[in-house]
Amino acid sequence: DPASAKARQPPARAPRQRVPARRMWLDAVNNDEFSQHAVDQSILRHISVQEIVEAIAGGEVIENYPNDKYSSSCLITGFTRSGRPIHVQCCYPSRPLVKMITIYEPDPDQWVDYRQRRS
């Protein structure tokens, strides 16, 4: 099945880049739309909206998901002012509201410098 084969492909490695249109991303967080999963995960993991803003403000796109389920999305890695690493998966800002899909603190055993998945 071609659809399931596409779903099994690893995510595309993004060239290292600062978060594009940073102002748009930050505006989106302030006028955000969080998926229920993102809300649940941020509560369970004690990640505040302020920490999400800080992570995106200094973040970079590390993976692209052009064929994501509902809309193309990406994974952003960033750090809070206190140095806490945060990953935010969200759709690209193609509309005024950017949907945050999931938010988590990456496991250092699964990530190299929180930017590249360990094999």
PDB file of N, CA and C in Angstrom:
ATOM      1  N   ASP A   1       0.846  -1.187   0.000  1.00  0.00           N
ATOM      2  CA  ASP A   1       0.000   0.000   0.000  1.00  0.00           C
ATOM      3  C   ASP A   1       0.886   1.243   0.000  1.00  0.00           C
ATOM      4  N   PRO A   2       0.813   2.104  -1.023  1.00  0.00           N
ATOM      5  CA  PRO A   2       1.682   3.283  -1.107  1.00  0.00           C
ATOM      6  C   PRO A   2       1.507   4.247   0.073  1.00  0.00           C
ATOM      7  N   ALA A   3       0.276   4.399   0.569  1.00  0.00           N
ATOM      8  CA  ALA A   3       0.041   5.324   1.685  1.00  0.00           C
ATOM      9  C   ALA A   3       0.752   4.844   2.944  1.00  0.00           C
ATOM     10  N   SER A   4       0.703   3.549   3.239  1.00  0.00           N
ATOM     11  CA  SER A   4       1.374   3.051   4.441  1.00  0.00           C
ATOM     12  C   SER A   4       2.884   3.075   4.262  1.00  0.00           C
ATOM     13  N   ALA A   5       3.376   2.891   3.033  1.00  0.00           N
ATOM     14  CA  ALA A   5       4.819   2.981   2.779  1.00  0.00           C
ATOM     15  C   ALA A   5       5.295   4.406   3.026  1.00  0.00           C
ATOM     16  N   LYS A   6       4.505   5.398   2.598  1.00  0.00           N
ATOM     17  CA  LYS A   6       4.854   6.802   2.818  1.00  0.00           C
ATOM     18  C   LYS A   6       4.858   7.107   4.320  1.00  0.00           C
ATOM     19  N   ALA A   7       3.899   6.546   5.059  1.00  0.00           N
ATOM     20  CA  ALA A   7       3.814   6.786   6.502  1.00  0.00           C
ATOM     21  C   ALA A   7       5.013   6.199   7.235  1.00  0.00           C
ATOM     22  N   ARG A   8       5.617   5.129   6.693  1.00  0.00           N
ATOM     23  CA  ARG A   8       6.750   4.479   7.352  1.00  0.00           C
ATOM     24  C   ARG A   8       8.075   5.173   7.060  1.00  0.00           C
ATOM     25  N   GLN A   9       8.093   6.106   6.116  1.00  0.00           N
ATOM     26  CA  GLN A   9       9.333   6.788   5.774  1.00  0.00           C
ATOM     27  C   GLN A   9       9.754   7.685   6.931  1.00  0.00           C
ATOM     28  N   PRO A  10      11.071   7.756   7.198  1.00  0.00           N
ATOM     29  CA  PRO A  10      11.521   8.650   8.266  1.00  0.00           C
ATOM     30  C   PRO A  10      11.251  10.101   7.889  1.00  0.00           C
ATOM     31  N   PRO A  11      11.135  10.973   8.887  1.00  0.00           N
ATOM     32  CA  PRO A  11      10.879  12.372   8.578  1.00  0.00           C
ATOM     33  C   PRO A  11      12.051  12.974   7.813  1.00  0.00           C
ATOM     34  N   ALA A  12      11.750  13.956   7.007  1.00  0.00           N
ATOM     35  CA  ALA A  12      12.796  14.625   6.237  1.00  0.00           C
ATOM     36  C   ALA A  12      13.655  15.458   7.174  1.00  0.00           C
ATOM     37  N   ARG A  13      14.949  15.333   7.051  1.00  0.00           N
ATOM     38  CA  ARG A  13      15.878  16.121   7.857  1.00  0.00           C
ATOM     39  C   ARG A  13      15.916  17.529   7.267  1.00  0.00           C
ATOM     40  N   ALA A  14      15.594  18.495   8.077  1.00  0.00           N
ATOM     41  CA  ALA A  14      15.575  19.882   7.609  1.00  0.00           C
ATOM     42  C   ALA A  14      16.981  20.453   7.629  1.00  0.00           C
ATOM     43  N   PRO A  15      17.323  21.237   6.622  1.00  0.00           N
ATOM     44  CA  PRO A  15      18.599  21.943   6.720  1.00  0.00           C
ATOM     45  C   PRO A  15      18.519  22.863   7.931  1.00  0.00           C
ATOM     46  N   ARG A  16      19.615  23.012   8.627  1.00  0.00           N
ATOM     47  CA  ARG A  16      19.607  23.833   9.829  1.00  0.00           C
ATOM     48  C   ARG A  16      19.213  25.256   9.455  1.00  0.00           C
ATOM     49  N   GLN A  17      18.171  25.749  10.104  1.00  0.00           N
ATOM     50  CA  GLN A  17      17.686  27.081   9.807  1.00  0.00           C
ATOM     51  C   GLN A  17      16.991  27.656  11.028  1.00  0.00           C
ATOM     52  N   ARG A  18      17.039  28.930  11.139  1.00  0.00           N
ATOM     53  CA  ARG A  18      16.277  29.595  12.185  1.00  0.00           C
ATOM     54  C   ARG A  18      14.805  29.491  11.800  1.00  0.00           C
ATOM     55  N   VAL A  19      13.953  29.607  12.792  1.00  0.00           N
ATOM     56  CA  VAL A  19      12.521  29.511  12.521  1.00  0.00           C
ATOM     57  C   VAL A  19      12.138  30.617  11.544  1.00  0.00           C
ATOM     58  N   PRO A  20      11.570  30.245  10.378  1.00  0.00           N
ATOM     59  CA  PRO A  20      11.224  31.264   9.384  1.00  0.00           C
ATOM     60  C   PRO A  20      10.096  32.158   9.886  1.00  0.00           C
ATOM     61  N   ALA A  21      10.140  33.382   9.439  1.00  0.00           N
ATOM     62  CA  ALA A  21       9.091  34.344   9.788  1.00  0.00           C
ATOM     63  C   ALA A  21       8.806  34.284  11.289  1.00  0.00           C
ATOM     64  N   ARG A  22       9.874  34.436  12.067  1.00  0.00           N
ATOM     65  CA  ARG A  22       9.802  34.289  13.531  1.00  0.00           C
ATOM     66  C   ARG A  22       8.634  35.073  14.123  1.00  0.00           C
ATOM     67  N   ARG A  23       8.411  36.275  13.633  1.00  0.00           N
ATOM     68  CA  ARG A  23       7.314  37.089  14.170  1.00  0.00           C
ATOM     69  C   ARG A  23       5.978  36.386  13.956  1.00  0.00           C
ATOM     70  N   MET A  24       5.825  35.744  12.777  1.00  0.00           N
ATOM     71  CA  MET A  24       4.582  35.029  12.490  1.00  0.00           C
ATOM     72  C   MET A  24       4.395  33.869  13.465  1.00  0.00           C
ATOM     73  N   TRP A  25       5.492  33.149  13.753  1.00  0.00           N
ATOM     74  CA  TRP A  25       5.391  32.025  14.689  1.00  0.00           C
ATOM     75  C   TRP A  25       5.025  32.518  16.082  1.00  0.00           C
ATOM     76  N   LEU A  26       5.682  33.591  16.521  1.00  0.00           N
ATOM     77  CA  LEU A  26       5.407  34.108  17.859  1.00  0.00           C
ATOM     78  C   LEU A  26       3.992  34.659  17.952  1.00  0.00           C
ATOM     79  N   ASP A  27       3.533  35.333  16.893  1.00  0.00           N
ATOM     80  CA  ASP A  27       2.148  35.788  16.870  1.00  0.00           C
ATOM     81  C   ASP A  27       1.203  34.604  16.953  1.00  0.00           C
ATOM     82  N   ALA A  28       1.571  33.517  16.282  1.00  0.00           N
ATOM     83  CA  ALA A  28       0.721  32.325  16.290  1.00  0.00           C
ATOM     84  C   ALA A  28       0.628  31.738  17.690  1.00  0.00           C
ATOM     85  N   VAL A  29       1.740  31.733  18.415  1.00  0.00           N
ATOM     86  CA  VAL A  29       1.701  31.204  19.779  1.00  0.00           C
ATOM     87  C   VAL A  29       0.808  32.079  20.640  1.00  0.00           C
ATOM     88  N   ASN A  30       0.857  33.389  20.395  1.00  0.00           N
ATOM     89  CA  ASN A  30       0.015  34.295  21.169  1.00  0.00           C
ATOM     90  C   ASN A  30      -1.443  34.249  20.717  1.00  0.00           C
ATOM     91  N   ASN A  31      -1.688  33.843  19.484  1.00  0.00           N
ATOM     92  CA  ASN A  31      -3.043  33.657  18.954  1.00  0.00           C
ATOM     93  C   ASN A  31      -3.145  32.203  18.504  1.00  0.00           C
ATOM     94  N   ASP A  32      -2.811  31.334  19.405  1.00  0.00           N
ATOM     95  CA  ASP A  32      -2.553  29.945  19.087  1.00  0.00           C
ATOM     96  C   ASP A  32      -3.787  29.060  19.013  1.00  0.00           C
ATOM     97  N   GLU A  33      -3.530  27.927  18.469  1.00  0.00           N
ATOM     98  CA  GLU A  33      -4.518  26.855  18.463  1.00  0.00           C
ATOM     99  C   GLU A  33      -3.738  25.603  18.838  1.00  0.00           C
ATOM    100  N   PHE A  34      -4.000  25.090  20.011  1.00  0.00           N
ATOM    101  CA  PHE A  34      -3.318  23.896  20.481  1.00  0.00           C
ATOM    102  C   PHE A  34      -4.228  22.692  20.266  1.00  0.00           C
ATOM    103  N   SER A  35      -3.671  21.623  19.720  1.00  0.00           N
ATOM    104  CA  SER A  35      -4.452  20.389  19.635  1.00  0.00           C
ATOM    105  C   SER A  35      -4.688  19.896  21.052  1.00  0.00           C
ATOM    106  N   GLN A  36      -5.683  19.073  21.224  1.00  0.00           N
ATOM    107  CA  GLN A  36      -5.949  18.517  22.558  1.00  0.00           C
ATOM    108  C   GLN A  36      -4.730  17.749  23.040  1.00  0.00           C
ATOM    109  N   HIS A  37      -4.061  17.051  22.125  1.00  0.00           N
ATOM    110  CA  HIS A  37      -2.855  16.301  22.481  1.00  0.00           C
ATOM    111  C   HIS A  37      -1.770  17.253  23.002  1.00  0.00           C
ATOM    112  N   ALA A  38      -1.573  18.381  22.326  1.00  0.00           N
ATOM    113  CA  ALA A  38      -0.561  19.347  22.760  1.00  0.00           C
ATOM    114  C   ALA A  38      -0.894  19.899  24.148  1.00  0.00           C
ATOM    115  N   VAL A  39      -2.156  20.196  24.382  1.00  0.00           N
ATOM    116  CA  VAL A  39      -2.578  20.690  25.700  1.00  0.00           C
ATOM    117  C   VAL A  39      -2.307  19.632  26.760  1.00  0.00           C
ATOM    118  N   ASP A  40      -2.736  18.401  26.496  1.00  0.00           N
ATOM    119  CA  ASP A  40      -2.532  17.314  27.461  1.00  0.00           C
ATOM    120  C   ASP A  40      -1.051  17.117  27.765  1.00  0.00           C
ATOM    121  N   GLN A  41      -0.231  17.098  26.707  1.00  0.00           N
ATOM    122  CA  GLN A  41       1.197  16.850  26.896  1.00  0.00           C
ATOM    123  C   GLN A  41       1.883  18.000  27.630  1.00  0.00           C
ATOM    124  N   SER A  42       1.496  19.234  27.341  1.00  0.00           N
ATOM    125  CA  SER A  42       2.120  20.361  28.035  1.00  0.00           C
ATOM    126  C   SER A  42       1.757  20.356  29.523  1.00  0.00           C
ATOM    127  N   ILE A  43       0.551  19.939  29.848  1.00  0.00           N
ATOM    128  CA  ILE A  43       0.144  19.847  31.255  1.00  0.00           C
ATOM    129  C   ILE A  43       0.896  18.717  31.944  1.00  0.00           C
ATOM    130  N   LEU A  44       0.905  17.538  31.320  1.00  0.00           N
ATOM    131  CA  LEU A  44       1.597  16.386  31.912  1.00  0.00           C
ATOM    132  C   LEU A  44       3.092  16.643  32.094  1.00  0.00           C
ATOM    133  N   ARG A  45       3.665  17.400  31.179  1.00  0.00           N
ATOM    134  CA  ARG A  45       5.118  17.627  31.188  1.00  0.00           C
ATOM    135  C   ARG A  45       5.499  18.960  31.824  1.00  0.00           C
ATOM    136  N   HIS A  46       4.508  19.662  32.351  1.00  0.00           N
ATOM    137  CA  HIS A  46       4.746  20.938  33.043  1.00  0.00           C
ATOM    138  C   HIS A  46       5.494  21.929  32.155  1.00  0.00           C
ATOM    139  N   ILE A  47       4.991  22.105  30.927  1.00  0.00           N
ATOM    140  CA  ILE A  47       5.571  23.060  29.982  1.00  0.00           C
ATOM    141  C   ILE A  47       4.588  24.220  29.848  1.00  0.00           C
ATOM    142  N   SER A  48       5.041  25.396  30.222  1.00  0.00           N
ATOM    143  CA  SER A  48       4.163  26.569  30.197  1.00  0.00           C
ATOM    144  C   SER A  48       4.138  27.205  28.806  1.00  0.00           C
ATOM    145  N   VAL A  49       3.139  28.035  28.577  1.00  0.00           N
ATOM    146  CA  VAL A  49       3.054  28.778  27.321  1.00  0.00           C
ATOM    147  C   VAL A  49       4.278  29.684  27.190  1.00  0.00           C
ATOM    148  N   GLN A  50       4.727  30.285  28.292  1.00  0.00           N
ATOM    149  CA  GLN A  50       5.919  31.134  28.251  1.00  0.00           C
ATOM    150  C   GLN A  50       7.126  30.335  27.775  1.00  0.00           C
ATOM    151  N   GLU A  51       7.280  29.097  28.222  1.00  0.00           N
ATOM    152  CA  GLU A  51       8.400  28.260  27.788  1.00  0.00           C
ATOM    153  C   GLU A  51       8.292  27.930  26.293  1.00  0.00           C
ATOM    154  N   ILE A  52       7.078  27.737  25.816  1.00  0.00           N
ATOM    155  CA  ILE A  52       6.869  27.473  24.385  1.00  0.00           C
ATOM    156  C   ILE A  52       7.289  28.699  23.575  1.00  0.00           C
ATOM    157  N   VAL A  53       6.894  29.878  24.019  1.00  0.00           N
ATOM    158  CA  VAL A  53       7.274  31.122  23.343  1.00  0.00           C
ATOM    159  C   VAL A  53       8.788  31.256  23.320  1.00  0.00           C
ATOM    160  N   GLU A  54       9.438  31.014  24.453  1.00  0.00           N
ATOM    161  CA  GLU A  54      10.901  31.124  24.531  1.00  0.00           C
ATOM    162  C   GLU A  54      11.581  30.128  23.596  1.00  0.00           C
ATOM    163  N   ALA A  55      11.082  28.899  23.560  1.00  0.00           N
ATOM    164  CA  ALA A  55      11.684  27.865  22.703  1.00  0.00           C
ATOM    165  C   ALA A  55      11.550  28.227  21.226  1.00  0.00           C
ATOM    166  N   ILE A  56      10.397  28.719  20.823  1.00  0.00           N
ATOM    167  CA  ILE A  56      10.193  29.094  19.425  1.00  0.00           C
ATOM    168  C   ILE A  56      10.999  30.343  19.076  1.00  0.00           C
ATOM    169  N   ALA A  57      11.085  31.286  19.996  1.00  0.00           N
ATOM    170  CA  ALA A  57      11.790  32.540  19.731  1.00  0.00           C
ATOM    171  C   ALA A  57      13.250  32.309  19.358  1.00  0.00           C
ATOM    172  N   GLY A  58      13.893  31.344  19.988  1.00  0.00           N
ATOM    173  CA  GLY A  58      15.290  31.058  19.680  1.00  0.00           C
ATOM    174  C   GLY A  58      15.470  29.742  18.962  1.00  0.00           C
ATOM    175  N   GLY A  59      14.371  29.197  18.461  1.00  0.00           N
ATOM    176  CA  GLY A  59      14.395  27.847  17.916  1.00  0.00           C
ATOM    177  C   GLY A  59      14.808  27.734  16.470  1.00  0.00           C
ATOM    178  N   GLU A  60      14.902  26.492  16.041  1.00  0.00           N
ATOM    179  CA  GLU A  60      15.192  26.196  14.638  1.00  0.00           C
ATOM    180  C   GLU A  60      14.396  24.968  14.217  1.00  0.00           C
ATOM    181  N   VAL A  61      14.040  24.952  12.948  1.00  0.00           N
ATOM    182  CA  VAL A  61      13.321  23.808  12.379  1.00  0.00           C
ATOM    183  C   VAL A  61      14.345  22.688  12.175  1.00  0.00           C
ATOM    184  N   ILE A  62      14.069  21.521  12.747  1.00  0.00           N
ATOM    185  CA  ILE A  62      15.011  20.407  12.611  1.00  0.00           C
ATOM    186  C   ILE A  62      14.464  19.264  11.771  1.00  0.00           C
ATOM    187  N   GLU A  63      13.157  19.185  11.606  1.00  0.00           N
ATOM    188  CA  GLU A  63      12.550  18.163  10.744  1.00  0.00           C
ATOM    189  C   GLU A  63      11.332  18.764  10.065  1.00  0.00           C
ATOM    190  N   ASN A  64      11.103  18.337   8.845  1.00  0.00           N
ATOM    191  CA  ASN A  64       9.927  18.742   8.081  1.00  0.00           C
ATOM    192  C   ASN A  64       9.064  17.519   7.826  1.00  0.00           C
ATOM    193  N   TYR A  65       7.765  17.701   7.915  1.00  0.00           N
ATOM    194  CA  TYR A  65       6.811  16.638   7.637  1.00  0.00           C
ATOM    195  C   TYR A  65       5.847  17.141   6.553  1.00  0.00           C
ATOM    196  N   PRO A  66       6.290  17.175   5.292  1.00  0.00           N
ATOM    197  CA  PRO A  66       5.460  17.756   4.234  1.00  0.00           C
ATOM    198  C   PRO A  66       4.181  16.968   3.965  1.00  0.00           C
ATOM    199  N   ASN A  67       4.159  15.696   4.322  1.00  0.00           N
ATOM    200  CA  ASN A  67       2.982  14.856   4.065  1.00  0.00           C
ATOM    201  C   ASN A  67       2.264  14.473   5.342  1.00  0.00           C
ATOM    202  N   ASP A  68       2.311  15.348   6.336  1.00  0.00           N
ATOM    203  CA  ASP A  68       1.651  15.060   7.608  1.00  0.00           C
ATOM    204  C   ASP A  68       0.148  14.905   7.387  1.00  0.00           C
ATOM    205  N   LYS A  69      -0.496  14.299   8.350  1.00  0.00           N
ATOM    206  CA  LYS A  69      -1.887  13.871   8.207  1.00  0.00           C
ATOM    207  C   LYS A  69      -2.837  14.975   7.712  1.00  0.00           C
ATOM    208  N   TYR A  70      -2.829  16.132   8.326  1.00  0.00           N
ATOM    209  CA  TYR A  70      -3.792  17.169   7.968  1.00  0.00           C
ATOM    210  C   TYR A  70      -3.186  18.327   7.186  1.00  0.00           C
ATOM    211  N   SER A  71      -1.923  18.627   7.462  1.00  0.00           N
ATOM    212  CA  SER A  71      -1.274  19.782   6.859  1.00  0.00           C
ATOM    213  C   SER A  71       0.230  19.610   7.039  1.00  0.00           C
ATOM    214  N   SER A  72       1.016  20.175   6.152  1.00  0.00           N
ATOM    215  CA  SER A  72       2.463  20.052   6.324  1.00  0.00           C
ATOM    216  C   SER A  72       2.850  20.690   7.657  1.00  0.00           C
ATOM    217  N   SER A  73       3.816  20.060   8.307  1.00  0.00           N
ATOM    218  CA  SER A  73       4.222  20.537   9.625  1.00  0.00           C
ATOM    219  C   SER A  73       5.728  20.392   9.770  1.00  0.00           C
ATOM    220  N   CYS A  74       6.214  20.839  10.905  1.00  0.00           N
ATOM    221  CA  CYS A  74       7.641  20.757  11.170  1.00  0.00           C
ATOM    222  C   CYS A  74       7.867  20.578  12.662  1.00  0.00           C
ATOM    223  N   LEU A  75       9.083  20.190  12.991  1.00  0.00           N
ATOM    224  CA  LEU A  75       9.497  20.048  14.383  1.00  0.00           C
ATOM    225  C   LEU A  75      10.516  21.139  14.660  1.00  0.00           C
ATOM    226  N   ILE A  76      10.247  21.913  15.692  1.00  0.00           N
ATOM    227  CA  ILE A  76      11.134  22.996  16.106  1.00  0.00           C
ATOM    228  C   ILE A  76      11.808  22.580  17.405  1.00  0.00           C
ATOM    229  N   THR A  77      13.113  22.802  17.487  1.00  0.00           N
ATOM    230  CA  THR A  77      13.813  22.629  18.754  1.00  0.00           C
ATOM    231  C   THR A  77      14.241  24.008  19.229  1.00  0.00           C
ATOM    232  N   GLY A  78      14.133  24.212  20.515  1.00  0.00           N
ATOM    233  CA  GLY A  78      14.533  25.481  21.104  1.00  0.00           C
ATOM    234  C   GLY A  78      14.750  25.301  22.588  1.00  0.00           C
ATOM    235  N   PHE A  79      15.223  26.354  23.213  1.00  0.00           N
ATOM    236  CA  PHE A  79      15.525  26.298  24.637  1.00  0.00           C
ATOM    237  C   PHE A  79      14.829  27.449  25.351  1.00  0.00           C
ATOM    238  N   THR A  80      14.424  27.177  26.574  1.00  0.00           N
ATOM    239  CA  THR A  80      13.840  28.223  27.406  1.00  0.00           C
ATOM    240  C   THR A  80      14.971  29.084  27.968  1.00  0.00           C
ATOM    241  N   ARG A  81      14.621  30.176  28.590  1.00  0.00           N
ATOM    242  CA  ARG A  81      15.644  31.037  29.203  1.00  0.00           C
ATOM    243  C   ARG A  81      16.460  30.285  30.245  1.00  0.00           C
ATOM    244  N   SER A  82      15.837  29.297  30.883  1.00  0.00           N
ATOM    245  CA  SER A  82      16.550  28.516  31.905  1.00  0.00           C
ATOM    246  C   SER A  82      17.375  27.383  31.284  1.00  0.00           C
ATOM    247  N   GLY A  83      17.318  27.243  29.945  1.00  0.00           N
ATOM    248  CA  GLY A  83      18.104  26.214  29.268  1.00  0.00           C
ATOM    249  C   GLY A  83      17.395  24.896  29.061  1.00  0.00           C
ATOM    250  N   ARG A  84      16.117  24.837  29.351  1.00  0.00           N
ATOM    251  CA  ARG A  84      15.338  23.608  29.155  1.00  0.00           C
ATOM    252  C   ARG A  84      15.077  23.403  27.672  1.00  0.00           C
ATOM    253  N   PRO A  85      15.429  22.221  27.128  1.00  0.00           N
ATOM    254  CA  PRO A  85      15.134  21.963  25.715  1.00  0.00           C
ATOM    255  C   PRO A  85      13.646  21.640  25.525  1.00  0.00           C
ATOM    256  N   ILE A  86      13.074  22.183  24.473  1.00  0.00           N
ATOM    257  CA  ILE A  86      11.659  21.941  24.157  1.00  0.00           C
ATOM    258  C   ILE A  86      11.552  21.642  22.666  1.00  0.00           C
ATOM    259  N   HIS A  87      10.748  20.639  22.321  1.00  0.00           N
ATOM    260  CA  HIS A  87      10.381  20.368  20.929  1.00  0.00           C
ATOM    261  C   HIS A  87       8.914  20.731  20.754  1.00  0.00           C
ATOM    262  N   VAL A  88       8.630  21.422  19.662  1.00  0.00           N
ATOM    263  CA  VAL A  88       7.262  21.802  19.323  1.00  0.00           C
ATOM    264  C   VAL A  88       7.013  21.355  17.895  1.00  0.00           C
ATOM    265  N   GLN A  89       6.024  20.500  17.708  1.00  0.00           N
ATOM    266  CA  GLN A  89       5.605  20.157  16.348  1.00  0.00           C
ATOM    267  C   GLN A  89       4.378  20.987  16.052  1.00  0.00           C
ATOM    268  N   CYS A  90       4.427  21.695  14.917  1.00  0.00           N
ATOM    269  CA  CYS A  90       3.288  22.526  14.554  1.00  0.00           C
ATOM    270  C   CYS A  90       3.175  22.611  13.041  1.00  0.00           C
ATOM    271  N   CYS A  91       1.984  22.999  12.594  1.00  0.00           N
ATOM    272  CA  CYS A  91       1.794  23.183  11.162  1.00  0.00           C
ATOM    273  C   CYS A  91       2.516  24.456  10.746  1.00  0.00           C
ATOM    274  N   TYR A  92       2.866  24.546   9.476  1.00  0.00           N
ATOM    275  CA  TYR A  92       3.501  25.756   8.978  1.00  0.00           C
ATOM    276  C   TYR A  92       2.500  26.902   9.009  1.00  0.00           C
ATOM    277  N   PRO A  93       2.980  28.120   9.281  1.00  0.00           N
ATOM    278  CA  PRO A  93       2.056  29.260   9.403  1.00  0.00           C
ATOM    279  C   PRO A  93       1.536  29.742   8.058  1.00  0.00           C
ATOM    280  N   SER A  94       0.613  28.980   7.492  1.00  0.00           N
ATOM    281  CA  SER A  94       0.015  29.356   6.214  1.00  0.00           C
ATOM    282  C   SER A  94      -1.334  30.046   6.427  1.00  0.00           C
ATOM    283  N   ARG A  95      -1.721  30.189   7.670  1.00  0.00           N
ATOM    284  CA  ARG A  95      -2.958  30.888   8.006  1.00  0.00           C
ATOM    285  C   ARG A  95      -2.705  31.639   9.308  1.00  0.00           C
ATOM    286  N   PRO A  96      -3.586  32.535   9.721  1.00  0.00           N
ATOM    287  CA  PRO A  96      -3.330  33.320  10.929  1.00  0.00           C
ATOM    288  C   PRO A  96      -3.153  32.470  12.198  1.00  0.00           C
ATOM    289  N   LEU A  97      -3.831  31.344  12.273  1.00  0.00           N
ATOM    290  CA  LEU A  97      -3.740  30.464  13.435  1.00  0.00           C
ATOM    291  C   LEU A  97      -2.825  29.294  13.110  1.00  0.00           C
ATOM    292  N   VAL A  98      -1.776  29.126  13.870  1.00  0.00           N
ATOM    293  CA  VAL A  98      -0.877  27.987  13.693  1.00  0.00           C
ATOM    294  C   VAL A  98      -1.228  26.951  14.743  1.00  0.00           C
ATOM    295  N   LYS A  99      -1.430  25.736  14.300  1.00  0.00           N
ATOM    296  CA  LYS A  99      -1.822  24.680  15.224  1.00  0.00           C
ATOM    297  C   LYS A  99      -0.589  23.996  15.800  1.00  0.00           C
ATOM    298  N   MET A 100      -0.487  24.000  17.122  1.00  0.00           N
ATOM    299  CA  MET A 100       0.546  23.263  17.826  1.00  0.00           C
ATOM    300  C   MET A 100       0.039  21.831  17.964  1.00  0.00           C
ATOM    301  N   ILE A 101       0.802  20.892  17.420  1.00  0.00           N
ATOM    302  CA  ILE A 101       0.364  19.502  17.377  1.00  0.00           C
ATOM    303  C   ILE A 101       0.799  18.751  18.621  1.00  0.00           C
ATOM    304  N   THR A 102       2.067  18.886  18.978  1.00  0.00           N
ATOM    305  CA  THR A 102       2.555  18.280  20.213  1.00  0.00           C
ATOM    306  C   THR A 102       3.724  19.081  20.741  1.00  0.00           C
ATOM    307  N   ILE A 103       3.950  18.973  22.035  1.00  0.00           N
ATOM    308  CA  ILE A 103       4.985  19.721  22.739  1.00  0.00           C
ATOM    309  C   ILE A 103       5.602  18.777  23.749  1.00  0.00           C
ATOM    310  N   TYR A 104       6.935  18.719  23.763  1.00  0.00           N
ATOM    311  CA  TYR A 104       7.580  17.827  24.732  1.00  0.00           C
ATOM    312  C   TYR A 104       9.020  18.221  24.969  1.00  0.00           C
ATOM    313  N   GLU A 105       9.571  17.710  26.056  1.00  0.00           N
ATOM    314  CA  GLU A 105      10.994  17.853  26.337  1.00  0.00           C
ATOM    315  C   GLU A 105      11.673  16.619  25.769  1.00  0.00           C
ATOM    316  N   PRO A 106      12.582  16.798  24.803  1.00  0.00           N
ATOM    317  CA  PRO A 106      13.185  15.639  24.147  1.00  0.00           C
ATOM    318  C   PRO A 106      14.074  14.833  25.095  1.00  0.00           C
ATOM    319  N   ASP A 107      14.058  13.520  24.900  1.00  0.00           N
ATOM    320  CA  ASP A 107      14.881  12.597  25.684  1.00  0.00           C
ATOM    321  C   ASP A 107      16.302  12.631  25.128  1.00  0.00           C
ATOM    322  N   PRO A 108      17.302  12.990  25.930  1.00  0.00           N
ATOM    323  CA  PRO A 108      18.672  13.076  25.418  1.00  0.00           C
ATOM    324  C   PRO A 108      19.212  11.724  24.932  1.00  0.00           C
ATOM    325  N   ASP A 109      18.614  10.627  25.372  1.00  0.00           N
ATOM    326  CA  ASP A 109      19.027   9.311  24.884  1.00  0.00           C
ATOM    327  C   ASP A 109      18.551   9.065  23.449  1.00  0.00           C
ATOM    328  N   GLN A 110      17.570   9.861  22.984  1.00  0.00           N
ATOM    329  CA  GLN A 110      17.023   9.689  21.642  1.00  0.00           C
ATOM    330  C   GLN A 110      17.462  10.780  20.669  1.00  0.00           C
ATOM    331  N   TRP A 111      18.155  11.809  21.179  1.00  0.00           N
ATOM    332  CA  TRP A 111      18.524  12.957  20.347  1.00  0.00           C
ATOM    333  C   TRP A 111      19.983  13.335  20.556  1.00  0.00           C
ATOM    334  N   VAL A 112      20.659  13.709  19.493  1.00  0.00           N
ATOM    335  CA  VAL A 112      22.012  14.258  19.556  1.00  0.00           C
ATOM    336  C   VAL A 112      21.851  15.775  19.602  1.00  0.00           C
ATOM    337  N   ASP A 113      22.282  16.400  20.676  1.00  0.00           N
ATOM    338  CA  ASP A 113      22.153  17.847  20.857  1.00  0.00           C
ATOM    339  C   ASP A 113      20.715  18.331  20.653  1.00  0.00           C
ATOM    340  N   TYR A 114      19.757  17.471  20.886  1.00  0.00           N
ATOM    341  CA  TYR A 114      18.333  17.779  20.744  1.00  0.00           C
ATOM    342  C   TYR A 114      17.953  18.183  19.327  1.00  0.00           C
ATOM    343  N   ARG A 115      18.840  17.936  18.352  1.00  0.00           N
ATOM    344  CA  ARG A 115      18.602  18.354  16.971  1.00  0.00           C
ATOM    345  C   ARG A 115      18.546  17.216  15.972  1.00  0.00           C
ATOM    346  N   GLN A 116      19.138  16.105  16.299  1.00  0.00           N
ATOM    347  CA  GLN A 116      19.199  14.983  15.349  1.00  0.00           C
ATOM    348  C   GLN A 116      18.860  13.699  16.089  1.00  0.00           C
ATOM    349  N   ARG A 117      17.967  12.909  15.486  1.00  0.00           N
ATOM    350  CA  ARG A 117      17.585  11.630  16.095  1.00  0.00           C
ATOM    351  C   ARG A 117      18.776  10.682  16.104  1.00  0.00           C
ATOM    352  N   ARG A 118      18.917   9.972  17.210  1.00  0.00           N
ATOM    353  CA  ARG A 118      19.956   8.941  17.274  1.00  0.00           C
ATOM    354  C   ARG A 118      19.480   7.749  16.470  1.00  0.00           C
ATOM    355  N   SER A 119      20.390   7.077  15.820  1.00  0.00           N
ATOM    356  CA  SER A 119      20.029   5.906  14.986  1.00  0.00           C
ATOM    357  C   SER A 119      19.863   4.679  15.832  1.00  0.00           C
TER     358      SER A 119
END
